[in-house]
Amino acid sequence: MPAQKIQVGQVWRKKGTEETFLVTRLYNEALATYATLRPSGSENTAMFKVKVQRTDAGQTLPGFSLAHNMDSTAS
């Protein structure tokens, strides 16, 4: 499910795993927006960037889903 807008501090879960990632930064390069992610609970682990996809429903990160949406549907 796409988020309305990706924001710093959101937690995203990698699809197919239980691994969660924190959005630490959002920035623009040319005509694209990128999110910098780091594994949750691992401040010393290398960060990586993911290109933000825009859809009619909002924004999303390919290969990830918003973590709190998965938790709320499991209850």
N, C-alpha and C. Protein backbone atom coordinates (compact mmCIF):
# COMPACT_ATOMS: atom_id res chain seq x y z
N MET A 1 0.85 -1.18 0.00
CA MET A 1 0.00 0.00 0.00
C MET A 1 0.89 1.23 0.00
N PRO A 2 0.68 2.17 -0.93
CA PRO A 2 1.50 3.37 -0.96
C PRO A 2 1.16 4.32 0.18
N ALA A 3 2.17 5.03 0.63
CA ALA A 3 1.96 6.08 1.63
C ALA A 3 1.51 7.33 0.88
N GLN A 4 0.75 8.17 1.53
CA GLN A 4 0.38 9.44 0.91
C GLN A 4 1.65 10.20 0.56
N LYS A 5 2.56 10.28 1.53
CA LYS A 5 3.83 10.97 1.33
C LYS A 5 4.87 10.31 2.23
N ILE A 6 6.00 9.95 1.66
CA ILE A 6 7.07 9.36 2.46
C ILE A 6 7.72 10.47 3.28
N GLN A 7 7.98 10.18 4.57
CA GLN A 7 8.55 11.18 5.47
C GLN A 7 9.70 10.58 6.27
N VAL A 8 10.62 11.46 6.66
CA VAL A 8 11.73 11.05 7.53
C VAL A 8 11.14 10.51 8.83
N GLY A 9 11.68 9.40 9.31
CA GLY A 9 11.21 8.79 10.55
C GLY A 9 10.26 7.63 10.34
N GLN A 10 9.75 7.45 9.13
CA GLN A 10 8.87 6.31 8.86
C GLN A 10 9.68 5.02 8.85
N VAL A 11 9.03 3.93 9.23
CA VAL A 11 9.67 2.61 9.21
C VAL A 11 9.02 1.80 8.11
N TRP A 12 9.87 1.23 7.24
CA TRP A 12 9.43 0.42 6.12
C TRP A 12 9.97 -0.99 6.26
N ARG A 13 9.19 -1.98 5.87
CA ARG A 13 9.59 -3.39 5.96
C ARG A 13 9.92 -3.91 4.56
N LYS A 14 11.06 -4.58 4.45
CA LYS A 14 11.46 -5.16 3.17
C LYS A 14 10.52 -6.33 2.87
N LYS A 15 9.96 -6.34 1.68
CA LYS A 15 9.00 -7.39 1.31
C LYS A 15 9.68 -8.75 1.31
N GLY A 16 9.00 -9.73 1.89
CA GLY A 16 9.51 -11.09 1.94
C GLY A 16 10.39 -11.37 3.15
N THR A 17 10.65 -10.36 3.98
CA THR A 17 11.47 -10.53 5.18
C THR A 17 10.82 -9.79 6.35
N GLU A 18 11.38 -9.96 7.50
CA GLU A 18 10.93 -9.22 8.69
C GLU A 18 11.84 -8.01 8.95
N GLU A 19 12.78 -7.77 8.05
CA GLU A 19 13.76 -6.70 8.22
C GLU A 19 13.07 -5.34 8.06
N THR A 20 13.32 -4.41 9.00
CA THR A 20 12.73 -3.08 8.93
C THR A 20 13.82 -2.03 8.75
N PHE A 21 13.44 -0.94 8.08
CA PHE A 21 14.37 0.13 7.76
C PHE A 21 13.75 1.48 8.09
N LEU A 22 14.58 2.38 8.57
CA LEU A 22 14.16 3.72 8.95
C LEU A 22 14.53 4.69 7.83
N VAL A 23 13.58 5.56 7.45
CA VAL A 23 13.86 6.61 6.47
C VAL A 23 14.60 7.72 7.22
N THR A 24 15.85 7.97 6.83
CA THR A 24 16.67 8.97 7.53
C THR A 24 16.80 10.28 6.77
N ARG A 25 16.53 10.24 5.45
CA ARG A 25 16.69 11.45 4.65
C ARG A 25 15.93 11.30 3.34
N LEU A 26 15.38 12.41 2.87
CA LEU A 26 14.74 12.47 1.55
C LEU A 26 15.40 13.61 0.79
N TYR A 27 15.72 13.37 -0.48
CA TYR A 27 16.33 14.44 -1.27
C TYR A 27 16.04 14.22 -2.75
N ASN A 28 16.21 15.28 -3.53
CA ASN A 28 15.96 15.25 -4.96
C ASN A 28 17.27 15.25 -5.73
N GLU A 29 17.30 14.46 -6.79
CA GLU A 29 18.40 14.45 -7.76
C GLU A 29 17.75 14.56 -9.12
N ALA A 30 18.04 15.65 -9.82
CA ALA A 30 17.42 15.91 -11.12
C ALA A 30 15.90 15.89 -10.96
N LEU A 31 15.22 14.96 -11.60
CA LEU A 31 13.75 14.90 -11.53
C LEU A 31 13.24 13.77 -10.64
N ALA A 32 14.13 13.13 -9.90
CA ALA A 32 13.74 11.99 -9.06
C ALA A 32 13.93 12.32 -7.58
N THR A 33 13.14 11.66 -6.73
CA THR A 33 13.28 11.77 -5.28
C THR A 33 13.85 10.46 -4.76
N TYR A 34 14.77 10.55 -3.82
CA TYR A 34 15.40 9.37 -3.21
C TYR A 34 15.21 9.41 -1.71
N ALA A 35 15.09 8.23 -1.12
CA ALA A 35 15.03 8.07 0.34
C ALA A 35 16.28 7.33 0.78
N THR A 36 16.92 7.82 1.83
CA THR A 36 18.05 7.12 2.43
C THR A 36 17.51 6.26 3.56
N LEU A 37 17.81 4.96 3.54
CA LEU A 37 17.31 4.01 4.53
C LEU A 37 18.48 3.41 5.30
N ARG A 38 18.22 3.09 6.57
CA ARG A 38 19.18 2.31 7.35
C ARG A 38 18.40 1.28 8.13
N PRO A 39 19.00 0.12 8.38
CA PRO A 39 18.29 -0.91 9.15
C PRO A 39 17.92 -0.40 10.54
N SER A 40 16.72 -0.70 10.98
CA SER A 40 16.27 -0.27 12.32
C SER A 40 17.10 -0.94 13.39
N GLY A 41 17.51 -0.17 14.38
CA GLY A 41 18.27 -0.70 15.49
C GLY A 41 19.74 -0.90 15.20
N SER A 42 20.21 -0.46 14.04
CA SER A 42 21.62 -0.63 13.66
C SER A 42 22.19 0.71 13.22
N GLU A 43 22.57 1.54 14.18
CA GLU A 43 23.06 2.86 13.83
C GLU A 43 24.38 2.84 13.09
N ASN A 44 25.18 1.79 13.25
CA ASN A 44 26.50 1.72 12.63
C ASN A 44 26.51 0.97 11.30
N THR A 45 25.34 0.53 10.84
CA THR A 45 25.24 -0.21 9.59
C THR A 45 25.16 0.78 8.42
N ALA A 46 25.73 0.38 7.30
CA ALA A 46 25.73 1.25 6.11
C ALA A 46 24.31 1.55 5.65
N MET A 47 24.10 2.80 5.23
CA MET A 47 22.82 3.22 4.69
C MET A 47 22.83 3.05 3.18
N PHE A 48 21.65 3.01 2.59
CA PHE A 48 21.55 2.93 1.14
C PHE A 48 20.37 3.76 0.68
N LYS A 49 20.35 4.08 -0.62
CA LYS A 49 19.26 4.91 -1.13
C LYS A 49 18.35 4.11 -2.03
N VAL A 50 17.07 4.51 -2.03
CA VAL A 50 16.04 3.87 -2.84
C VAL A 50 15.27 4.98 -3.54
N LYS A 51 15.02 4.80 -4.82
CA LYS A 51 14.26 5.79 -5.58
C LYS A 51 12.78 5.70 -5.22
N VAL A 52 12.19 6.84 -4.90
CA VAL A 52 10.78 6.92 -4.54
C VAL A 52 9.95 6.84 -5.82
N GLN A 53 8.95 5.96 -5.82
CA GLN A 53 8.03 5.86 -6.96
C GLN A 53 6.77 6.63 -6.64
N ARG A 54 6.33 7.39 -7.62
CA ARG A 54 5.08 8.14 -7.47
C ARG A 54 3.97 7.40 -8.20
N THR A 55 2.82 7.25 -7.53
CA THR A 55 1.65 6.61 -8.13
C THR A 55 0.46 7.54 -7.94
N ASP A 56 -0.68 7.17 -8.50
CA ASP A 56 -1.89 7.96 -8.31
C ASP A 56 -2.32 7.99 -6.84
N ALA A 57 -2.01 6.92 -6.11
CA ALA A 57 -2.40 6.81 -4.70
C ALA A 57 -1.42 7.49 -3.75
N GLY A 58 -0.24 7.87 -4.23
CA GLY A 58 0.75 8.50 -3.35
C GLY A 58 2.16 8.09 -3.73
N GLN A 59 3.01 7.93 -2.71
CA GLN A 59 4.40 7.55 -2.93
C GLN A 59 4.67 6.18 -2.32
N THR A 60 5.64 5.47 -2.89
CA THR A 60 6.02 4.17 -2.36
C THR A 60 7.49 3.91 -2.62
N LEU A 61 8.05 2.96 -1.89
CA LEU A 61 9.42 2.51 -2.09
C LEU A 61 9.36 1.11 -2.69
N PRO A 62 9.91 0.90 -3.89
CA PRO A 62 9.83 -0.43 -4.51
C PRO A 62 10.56 -1.47 -3.67
N GLY A 63 9.88 -2.61 -3.43
CA GLY A 63 10.46 -3.68 -2.63
C GLY A 63 10.22 -3.54 -1.14
N PHE A 64 9.49 -2.49 -0.75
CA PHE A 64 9.22 -2.23 0.67
C PHE A 64 7.75 -1.92 0.86
N SER A 65 7.26 -2.12 2.08
CA SER A 65 5.91 -1.69 2.44
C SER A 65 5.98 -1.00 3.79
N LEU A 66 5.08 -0.07 4.02
CA LEU A 66 5.05 0.68 5.27
C LEU A 66 4.81 -0.29 6.42
N ALA A 67 5.70 -0.30 7.41
CA ALA A 67 5.68 -1.31 8.47
C ALA A 67 4.42 -1.26 9.32
N HIS A 68 3.92 -0.08 9.68
CA HIS A 68 2.77 -0.05 10.58
C HIS A 68 1.51 -0.53 9.90
N ASN A 69 1.40 -0.45 8.56
CA ASN A 69 0.24 -0.99 7.85
C ASN A 69 0.18 -2.50 7.97
N MET A 70 1.34 -3.16 7.90
CA MET A 70 1.38 -4.62 8.02
C MET A 70 1.02 -5.04 9.43
N ASP A 71 1.47 -4.30 10.44
CA ASP A 71 1.18 -4.64 11.83
C ASP A 71 -0.30 -4.46 12.13
N SER A 72 -0.95 -3.42 11.58
CA SER A 72 -2.35 -3.16 11.90
C SER A 72 -3.26 -4.18 11.24
N THR A 73 -2.87 -4.73 10.08
CA THR A 73 -3.73 -5.72 9.43
C THR A 73 -3.58 -7.10 10.06
N ALA A 74 -2.48 -7.34 10.77
CA ALA A 74 -2.26 -8.63 11.40
C ALA A 74 -3.05 -8.78 12.70
N SER A 75 -3.47 -7.68 13.30
CA SER A 75 -4.19 -7.71 14.58
C SER A 75 -5.61 -8.17 14.42
